[in-house]
Amino acid sequence: MKQETLPQHAARTVRDYHMLPHGITIVAGLSGGADSVALLHWLHTAAQAKNPIYLTAAHLNHGLRGEESDQDEAFCTALCARLGIPLHVKRVDIAALAATEGIGIEEAGRSARYAFFEELAQQNPGTKIALAHTLSDRMETMLLNMRRGAALRGLCSIPPVRALGDSAVVIRPLIECSRAQVEAYCAEHHLDFRTDSSNFELTYRRNQIRLEALPALHLNDNAMRRMFRALEADEQFLLREAGRRSQEADLPEPLQSRLRRQELVSSGIEPSAVRIQEAGNQKPKIEITPRNVTVEFEYVTNSTENLTIRGLANCLDYDTMVGNLETGTRKPGDCMHLCNGAGTKPLKKLFQERDVPPGEREQRVILRDDAGIVWLEGFGCAHRCRVTSDTKTVLAVRLSESK
């Protein structure tokens, strides 16, 4: 049976997910790699011919590979000039950003890219950001998520369409195209592309999966396409059911967990980048004279997609916890480094800085692991346990007090 080509798969994906309405403005992410070059060329030719769109491209120079990064930028500039496509270029010192924010290089790069895309989208509301993730990327992400114990939403992996902030939508027209099809398309159209040398370093988990695990599994591309569509349909059905039956008592757990997801949405986590997986609820009660306080924990699993996080003082990165967790109150010598705070300080000093009355200080609930305090009532999480876009499992902490 004749294998379908990239244009055939891309056209079907665009049609099925309503990605390219007539006259839409598209910003195509362009790294210079084979995937992004193929996407830009296809949007410029086949897609443009069938459905006129206003197409621009965006390249972020991370500055991580010195001259090689500058060559990537020069390549993208020349390609867009040849195709007559406007190109937006931005340079960001990712290494400096990572050091300033206290985050990893990969997280800093991803954050800067999406901030750049959102910035461009805000200039023209309704803009769609076209990214070149492929079926191969989706399978890699699925295996990464499986390794972390993902539930249904995690197995869906990279979504074909998702929101980006308040003003844009991310679309992935190549999400059902294999990497082999991308390379064949580039060869057929004589398209040069850049190769990131770091893609072959086995020190990175994703590279291990791409270069070793996936080839050994011999997964069938068509079977994977069918599986992802079926998983998406199941997840969307459960989300609709959860919304339709939200006022019912004794909802099944799969629906309850999706309703709890909405609580995190209201706390500032981007909806399309978050899924909730119930890993077990604990509701221990501790009595702190003269208070009766119930401390509730909920486990939430994030996708590996880029996360926008705001106002999550009562959420912690569960995977950073050391040993066992316990609740309690202040002990002599207690210290804590607050999230984004200026170093470690004694609790006494923290209380003084926030004018907490002395009579309340001994009653504030504290959550500890074997390495120290991870959360303090009224102050939030410790810096080492803060939620970032690399976080895989969030521990949400809630208090309720009986009067």
Protein backbone atom coordinates (compact mmCIF):
# COMPACT_ATOMS: atom_id res chain seq x y z
CA MET A 1 0.00 0.00 0.00
CA LYS A 2 1.35 3.42 -0.97
CA GLN A 3 2.43 5.53 1.98
CA GLU A 4 0.82 8.94 2.39
CA THR A 5 3.03 12.01 2.16
CA LEU A 6 3.55 15.00 4.40
CA PRO A 7 1.19 17.24 2.38
CA GLN A 8 -1.57 14.63 2.60
CA HIS A 9 -1.26 14.18 6.36
CA ALA A 10 -0.88 17.91 6.99
CA ALA A 11 -3.92 18.78 4.88
CA ARG A 12 -6.06 16.23 6.74
CA THR A 13 -4.87 17.48 10.14
CA VAL A 14 -5.58 21.10 9.22
CA ARG A 15 -9.05 20.17 7.99
CA ASP A 16 -10.00 17.93 10.93
CA TYR A 17 -8.83 20.39 13.58
CA HIS A 18 -10.00 23.56 11.75
CA MET A 19 -6.53 25.07 11.98
CA LEU A 20 -6.46 27.51 9.06
CA PRO A 21 -9.59 29.58 8.56
CA HIS A 22 -9.59 31.86 5.51
CA GLY A 23 -7.43 34.97 5.84
CA ILE A 24 -5.92 34.07 9.22
CA THR A 25 -2.57 35.48 10.34
CA ILE A 26 0.01 32.74 10.97
CA VAL A 27 3.33 33.07 12.75
CA ALA A 28 5.42 29.99 11.98
CA GLY A 29 8.10 29.11 14.50
CA LEU A 30 11.34 28.68 12.56
CA SER A 31 14.42 27.15 14.18
CA GLY A 32 16.08 26.21 10.91
CA GLY A 33 15.68 22.48 11.55
CA ALA A 34 14.08 20.11 9.06
CA ASP A 35 10.68 20.11 10.77
CA SER A 36 10.26 23.89 10.88
CA VAL A 37 11.64 24.38 7.37
CA ALA A 38 9.21 21.80 5.97
CA LEU A 39 6.30 23.41 7.82
CA LEU A 40 7.15 26.91 6.59
CA HIS A 41 7.53 25.73 2.99
CA TRP A 42 4.27 23.75 3.09
CA LEU A 43 2.34 26.69 4.58
CA HIS A 44 3.85 28.97 1.94
CA THR A 45 2.96 26.71 -1.00
CA ALA A 46 0.26 24.05 -0.65
CA ALA A 47 -1.66 25.53 2.27
CA GLN A 48 -1.45 29.07 0.93
CA ALA A 49 -2.71 28.00 -2.49
CA LYS A 50 -5.87 26.36 -1.09
CA ASN A 51 -6.65 28.82 1.67
CA PRO A 52 -5.04 32.28 1.57
CA ILE A 53 -3.36 33.19 4.84
CA TYR A 54 -1.02 35.96 5.98
CA LEU A 55 2.20 34.13 6.81
CA THR A 56 5.15 35.38 8.83
CA ALA A 57 7.95 33.51 10.63
CA ALA A 58 9.65 33.90 14.00
CA HIS A 59 13.17 32.86 15.01
CA LEU A 60 14.57 33.09 18.53
CA ASN A 61 18.36 33.08 18.77
CA HIS A 62 19.14 31.43 22.12
CA GLY A 63 22.84 32.19 21.90
CA LEU A 64 23.64 28.81 23.45
CA ARG A 65 25.89 27.46 20.69
CA GLY A 66 27.88 30.56 19.84
CA GLU A 67 28.70 30.79 16.14
CA GLU A 68 26.41 27.84 15.40
CA SER A 69 23.42 29.80 16.80
CA ASP A 70 24.32 32.81 14.66
CA GLN A 71 24.53 30.56 11.61
CA ASP A 72 21.03 29.26 12.40
CA GLU A 73 19.75 32.84 12.45
CA ALA A 74 21.50 33.69 9.19
CA PHE A 75 20.05 30.57 7.57
CA CYS A 76 16.49 31.49 8.65
CA THR A 77 16.96 35.05 7.42
CA ALA A 78 18.12 33.86 4.01
CA LEU A 79 15.34 31.28 3.69
CA CYS A 80 12.60 33.78 4.47
CA ALA A 81 14.12 36.33 2.10
CA ARG A 82 14.11 33.74 -0.67
CA LEU A 83 10.47 32.81 -0.01
CA GLY A 84 9.37 36.41 0.51
CA ILE A 85 8.13 35.75 4.04
CA PRO A 86 8.52 38.43 6.76
CA LEU A 87 10.74 37.19 9.59
CA HIS A 88 10.74 38.31 13.22
CA VAL A 89 14.06 37.69 14.98
CA LYS A 90 14.81 38.08 18.66
CA ARG A 91 17.99 37.37 20.60
CA VAL A 92 17.84 36.20 24.19
CA ASP A 93 20.74 35.17 26.43
CA ILE A 94 19.14 31.94 27.62
CA ALA A 95 22.05 30.97 29.87
CA ALA A 96 21.78 34.31 31.69
CA LEU A 97 18.00 34.02 31.89
CA ALA A 98 18.26 30.55 33.39
CA ALA A 99 20.77 31.76 35.99
CA THR A 100 18.67 34.81 36.89
CA GLU A 101 15.45 32.84 37.23
CA GLY A 102 17.07 29.85 38.91
CA ILE A 103 15.73 27.44 36.30
CA GLY A 104 17.16 24.96 33.80
CA ILE A 105 18.45 25.86 30.35
CA GLU A 106 15.71 23.86 28.61
CA GLU A 107 12.97 25.50 30.66
CA ALA A 108 14.41 28.97 30.10
CA GLY A 109 14.59 28.41 26.34
CA ARG A 110 11.05 27.12 26.14
CA SER A 111 9.75 29.99 28.26
CA ALA A 112 11.54 32.58 26.12
CA ARG A 113 10.24 31.06 22.88
CA TYR A 114 6.63 31.03 23.96
CA ALA A 115 6.89 34.52 25.44
CA PHE A 116 8.22 35.67 22.05
CA PHE A 117 5.36 33.96 20.22
CA GLU A 118 2.78 35.43 22.59
CA GLU A 119 4.33 38.87 22.19
CA LEU A 120 3.96 38.65 18.41
CA ALA A 121 0.40 37.33 18.69
CA GLN A 122 -0.65 40.23 20.90
CA GLN A 123 0.19 42.60 18.07
CA ASN A 124 -2.59 41.03 16.01
CA PRO A 125 -5.36 39.35 18.06
CA GLY A 126 -6.58 36.12 16.52
CA THR A 127 -3.12 35.16 15.31
CA LYS A 128 -2.25 31.47 15.26
CA ILE A 129 1.23 30.19 16.07
CA ALA A 130 2.20 27.27 13.83
CA LEU A 131 4.76 24.93 15.38
CA ALA A 132 6.43 22.00 13.67
CA HIS A 133 5.98 19.19 16.21
CA THR A 134 5.59 15.86 14.41
CA LEU A 135 4.16 12.43 15.12
CA SER A 136 7.68 11.38 16.12
CA ASP A 137 7.82 14.19 18.71
CA ARG A 138 4.41 13.11 19.97
CA MET A 139 5.52 9.51 20.44
CA GLU A 140 8.66 10.65 22.27
CA THR A 141 6.59 12.81 24.60
CA MET A 142 4.12 9.98 25.21
CA LEU A 143 6.96 7.68 26.30
CA LEU A 144 8.39 10.42 28.54
CA ASN A 145 4.97 10.86 30.11
CA MET A 146 4.49 7.11 30.52
CA ARG A 147 7.79 6.93 32.33
CA ARG A 148 6.41 9.43 34.84
CA GLY A 149 3.17 7.50 35.33
CA ALA A 150 0.89 9.65 33.18
CA ALA A 151 -2.86 9.15 32.94
CA LEU A 152 -5.07 9.60 29.89
CA ARG A 153 -4.27 13.24 29.17
CA GLY A 154 -0.55 12.54 29.39
CA LEU A 155 -0.87 9.67 26.94
CA CYS A 156 -2.55 12.08 24.52
CA SER A 157 0.85 13.79 24.54
CA ILE A 158 1.34 16.96 22.47
CA PRO A 159 -2.06 18.45 21.53
CA PRO A 160 -2.69 19.41 17.90
CA VAL A 161 -4.26 22.69 19.03
CA ARG A 162 -3.96 24.62 22.27
CA ALA A 163 -4.41 28.12 23.64
CA LEU A 164 -1.47 30.46 24.19
CA GLY A 165 -2.27 33.17 26.69
CA ASP A 166 -5.35 35.28 26.05
CA SER A 167 -4.69 36.25 22.45
CA ALA A 168 -3.37 33.32 20.44
CA VAL A 169 -3.74 29.67 19.55
CA VAL A 170 -0.94 27.20 18.86
CA ILE A 171 -1.52 24.84 15.93
CA ARG A 172 0.61 21.88 14.84
CA PRO A 173 -0.17 20.94 11.22
CA LEU A 174 2.60 18.28 11.12
CA ILE A 175 1.50 16.45 14.27
CA GLU A 176 0.53 13.36 12.24
CA CYS A 177 3.60 13.44 9.99
CA SER A 178 6.56 11.24 10.83
CA ARG A 179 10.11 12.52 10.89
CA ALA A 180 10.87 10.33 7.87
CA GLN A 181 8.09 12.07 5.93
CA VAL A 182 9.54 15.45 6.90
CA GLU A 183 12.96 14.46 5.60
CA ALA A 184 11.44 13.07 2.40
CA TYR A 185 9.55 16.33 1.85
CA CYS A 186 12.72 18.37 2.30
CA ALA A 187 14.56 16.12 -0.16
CA GLU A 188 11.78 16.30 -2.74
CA HIS A 189 11.69 20.10 -2.63
CA HIS A 190 15.48 20.50 -2.32
CA LEU A 191 15.16 22.25 1.03
CA ASP A 192 18.30 22.73 3.08
CA PHE A 193 18.03 22.78 6.84
CA ARG A 194 20.17 23.11 9.94
CA THR A 195 21.03 20.27 12.30
CA ASP A 196 21.38 20.95 16.04
CA SER A 197 24.42 18.97 17.18
CA SER A 198 22.97 18.66 20.70
CA ASN A 199 20.18 16.44 19.28
CA PHE A 200 22.64 13.56 19.26
CA GLU A 201 23.84 13.87 22.86
CA LEU A 202 22.57 10.93 24.89
CA THR A 203 22.85 12.91 28.10
CA TYR A 204 19.34 14.22 27.37
CA ARG A 205 16.42 11.92 28.19
CA ARG A 206 14.47 12.84 25.06
CA ASN A 207 17.46 12.03 22.88
CA GLN A 208 17.74 8.63 24.56
CA ILE A 209 14.13 7.94 23.65
CA ARG A 210 14.51 9.27 20.09
CA LEU A 211 17.77 7.52 19.30
CA GLU A 212 17.47 4.29 21.29
CA ALA A 213 14.01 3.49 22.68
CA LEU A 214 11.79 4.32 19.69
CA PRO A 215 13.87 2.46 17.10
CA ALA A 216 13.87 -0.60 19.36
CA LEU A 217 10.05 -0.53 19.75
CA HIS A 218 9.29 -0.51 15.99
CA LEU A 219 6.03 1.38 16.56
CA ASN A 220 3.72 1.55 13.57
CA ASP A 221 3.01 5.14 12.53
CA ASN A 222 -0.55 4.47 11.38
CA ALA A 223 -1.34 2.61 14.59
CA MET A 224 0.02 5.55 16.60
CA ARG A 225 -2.09 8.03 14.64
CA ARG A 226 -5.23 5.99 15.35
CA MET A 227 -4.31 5.60 19.00
CA PHE A 228 -3.76 9.32 19.57
CA ARG A 229 -7.07 10.20 17.91
CA ALA A 230 -8.89 7.63 20.05
CA LEU A 231 -7.25 8.88 23.24
CA GLU A 232 -8.12 12.49 22.36
CA ALA A 233 -11.77 11.52 21.77
CA ASP A 234 -11.95 9.76 25.14
CA GLU A 235 -10.39 12.69 26.97
CA GLN A 236 -12.68 15.23 25.29
CA PHE A 237 -15.74 13.11 26.15
CA LEU A 238 -14.73 12.97 29.82
CA LEU A 239 -14.16 16.73 29.90
CA ARG A 240 -17.61 17.37 28.40
CA GLU A 241 -19.24 14.95 30.83
CA ALA A 242 -17.49 16.58 33.78
CA GLY A 243 -18.83 19.97 32.76
CA ARG A 244 -22.35 18.67 32.07
CA ARG A 245 -22.61 16.85 35.40
CA SER A 246 -20.65 19.27 37.57
CA GLN A 247 -23.56 19.83 40.00
CA GLU A 248 -24.15 16.14 40.67
CA ALA A 249 -23.19 14.51 43.95
CA ASP A 250 -20.95 11.42 44.02
CA LEU A 251 -19.45 11.91 40.60
CA PRO A 252 -17.13 9.14 39.39
CA GLU A 253 -13.50 9.91 40.15
CA PRO A 254 -12.49 10.48 36.48
CA LEU A 255 -15.04 13.30 36.31
CA GLN A 256 -14.17 14.69 39.73
CA SER A 257 -10.49 14.92 38.80
CA ARG A 258 -11.33 16.92 35.68
CA LEU A 259 -13.45 19.33 37.69
CA ARG A 260 -10.59 19.79 40.13
CA ARG A 261 -8.48 20.69 37.13
CA GLN A 262 -10.63 23.76 36.70
CA GLU A 263 -9.69 24.91 40.19
CA LEU A 264 -6.05 24.99 39.12
CA VAL A 265 -7.03 26.78 35.94
CA SER A 266 -8.47 29.58 38.06
CA SER A 267 -5.16 29.67 39.95
CA GLY A 268 -3.33 30.61 36.79
CA ILE A 269 -2.11 27.43 35.10
CA GLU A 270 -2.74 27.54 31.37
CA PRO A 271 -5.70 25.18 30.76
CA SER A 272 -4.39 23.44 27.66
CA ALA A 273 -1.07 22.71 29.32
CA VAL A 274 -2.47 20.98 32.38
CA ARG A 275 -4.12 17.68 33.14
CA ILE A 276 -5.22 16.36 36.50
CA GLN A 277 -4.50 12.82 37.46
CA GLU A 278 -5.74 11.55 40.82
CA ALA A 279 -2.84 9.86 42.52
CA GLY A 280 -4.68 9.55 45.80
CA ASN A 281 -6.12 12.05 48.25
CA GLN A 282 -4.88 12.38 51.79
CA LYS A 283 -6.94 14.29 54.32
CA PRO A 284 -5.06 14.12 57.61
CA LYS A 285 -6.35 16.19 60.51
CA ILE A 286 -4.04 17.88 62.92
CA GLU A 287 -5.16 19.82 65.97
CA ILE A 288 -3.28 23.01 66.68
CA THR A 289 -4.62 24.59 69.83
CA PRO A 290 -6.88 26.47 69.75
CA ARG A 291 -7.52 25.52 66.09
CA ASN A 292 -8.88 22.41 64.40
CA VAL A 293 -7.36 22.37 60.96
CA THR A 294 -7.82 19.93 58.12
CA VAL A 295 -4.91 19.80 55.71
CA GLU A 296 -5.86 18.43 52.29
CA PHE A 297 -3.42 17.36 49.61
CA GLU A 298 -4.17 16.86 45.95
CA TYR A 299 -1.78 15.53 43.33
CA VAL A 300 -1.84 17.10 39.90
CA THR A 301 0.16 15.97 36.89
CA ASN A 302 1.34 18.53 34.32
CA SER A 303 2.00 17.81 30.65
CA THR A 304 5.46 18.38 29.29
CA GLU A 305 4.10 21.22 27.24
CA ASN A 306 4.98 24.78 28.15
CA LEU A 307 3.27 25.99 31.34
CA THR A 308 2.20 29.49 32.26
CA ILE A 309 2.13 29.65 36.06
CA ARG A 310 0.84 32.51 38.18
CA GLY A 311 -0.19 32.68 41.84
CA LEU A 312 0.66 29.12 42.87
CA ALA A 313 2.00 29.82 46.35
CA ASN A 314 0.11 26.82 47.71
CA CYS A 315 1.36 24.40 45.05
CA LEU A 316 4.65 22.52 45.22
CA ASP A 317 6.73 20.42 42.87
CA TYR A 318 6.07 16.98 44.35
CA ASP A 319 9.12 15.38 42.73
CA THR A 320 11.46 17.70 44.64
CA MET A 321 10.27 16.35 47.99
CA VAL A 322 12.83 14.45 50.06
CA GLY A 323 11.60 11.43 52.02
CA ASN A 324 8.34 11.63 53.98
CA LEU A 325 5.99 14.57 54.39
CA GLU A 326 4.52 15.60 57.71
CA THR A 327 2.42 18.47 59.02
CA GLY A 328 3.07 20.37 62.21
CA THR A 329 3.94 23.75 63.68
CA ARG A 330 7.07 25.78 64.34
CA LYS A 331 10.09 24.18 65.99
CA PRO A 332 13.14 25.87 67.55
CA GLY A 333 15.66 26.88 64.89
CA ASP A 334 13.26 26.55 61.95
CA CYS A 335 14.47 28.32 58.78
CA MET A 336 13.06 28.61 55.28
CA HIS A 337 13.98 29.95 51.85
CA LEU A 338 10.70 31.32 50.48
CA CYS A 339 9.90 30.96 46.79
CA ASN A 340 11.85 33.67 44.95
CA GLY A 341 12.95 35.01 48.34
CA ALA A 342 16.32 36.47 49.24
CA GLY A 343 17.93 33.39 50.74
CA THR A 344 17.20 31.33 53.83
CA LYS A 345 15.81 33.14 56.87
CA PRO A 346 14.69 32.06 60.37
CA LEU A 347 10.92 31.79 60.67
CA LYS A 348 11.07 34.41 63.42
CA LYS A 349 12.48 36.93 60.95
CA LEU A 350 9.93 36.01 58.28
CA PHE A 351 7.10 36.49 60.76
CA GLN A 352 8.53 39.84 61.87
CA GLU A 353 8.87 41.05 58.27
CA ARG A 354 5.21 40.34 57.64
CA ASP A 355 4.01 41.60 61.01
CA VAL A 356 2.51 38.27 62.04
CA PRO A 357 1.29 38.70 65.65
CA PRO A 358 3.34 36.65 68.14
CA GLY A 359 0.21 34.82 69.29
CA GLU A 360 -0.37 33.46 65.76
CA ARG A 361 3.16 32.34 65.00
CA GLU A 362 2.97 29.09 66.95
CA GLN A 363 -0.30 28.19 65.22
CA ARG A 364 0.78 28.53 61.60
CA VAL A 365 0.64 25.16 59.81
CA ILE A 366 3.93 23.90 58.41
CA LEU A 367 4.56 21.11 55.90
CA ARG A 368 7.98 19.45 56.09
CA ASP A 369 9.92 16.77 54.29
CA ASP A 370 13.13 15.14 55.47
CA ALA A 371 15.16 18.12 54.23
CA GLY A 372 13.18 20.81 56.03
CA ILE A 373 10.19 23.10 55.55
CA VAL A 374 8.53 22.93 52.14
CA TRP A 375 5.42 25.04 52.85
CA LEU A 376 4.36 27.58 55.48
CA GLU A 377 0.78 28.75 55.96
CA GLY A 378 0.35 32.30 54.75
CA PHE A 379 3.78 32.35 53.09
CA GLY A 380 3.64 29.56 50.52
CA CYS A 381 6.22 27.11 49.27
CA ALA A 382 9.96 26.85 49.71
CA HIS A 383 12.08 27.98 46.77
CA ARG A 384 13.45 24.47 46.16
CA CYS A 385 9.91 23.12 45.80
CA ARG A 386 8.45 25.84 43.60
CA VAL A 387 6.38 24.88 40.55
CA THR A 388 8.07 25.53 37.21
CA SER A 389 7.28 24.63 33.61
CA ASP A 390 9.47 21.53 34.12
CA THR A 391 7.26 20.34 36.99
CA LYS A 392 5.60 16.98 36.33
CA THR A 393 3.57 16.46 39.51
CA VAL A 394 2.11 19.30 41.58
CA LEU A 395 1.15 18.90 45.23
CA ALA A 396 -1.68 21.34 45.97
CA VAL A 397 -2.14 22.18 49.66
CA ARG A 398 -5.43 23.37 51.11
CA LEU A 399 -6.47 24.20 54.65
CA SER A 400 -9.96 24.22 56.10
CA GLU A 401 -10.64 25.27 59.66
CA SER A 402 -13.54 24.27 61.90
CA LYS A 403 -14.86 27.16 63.94
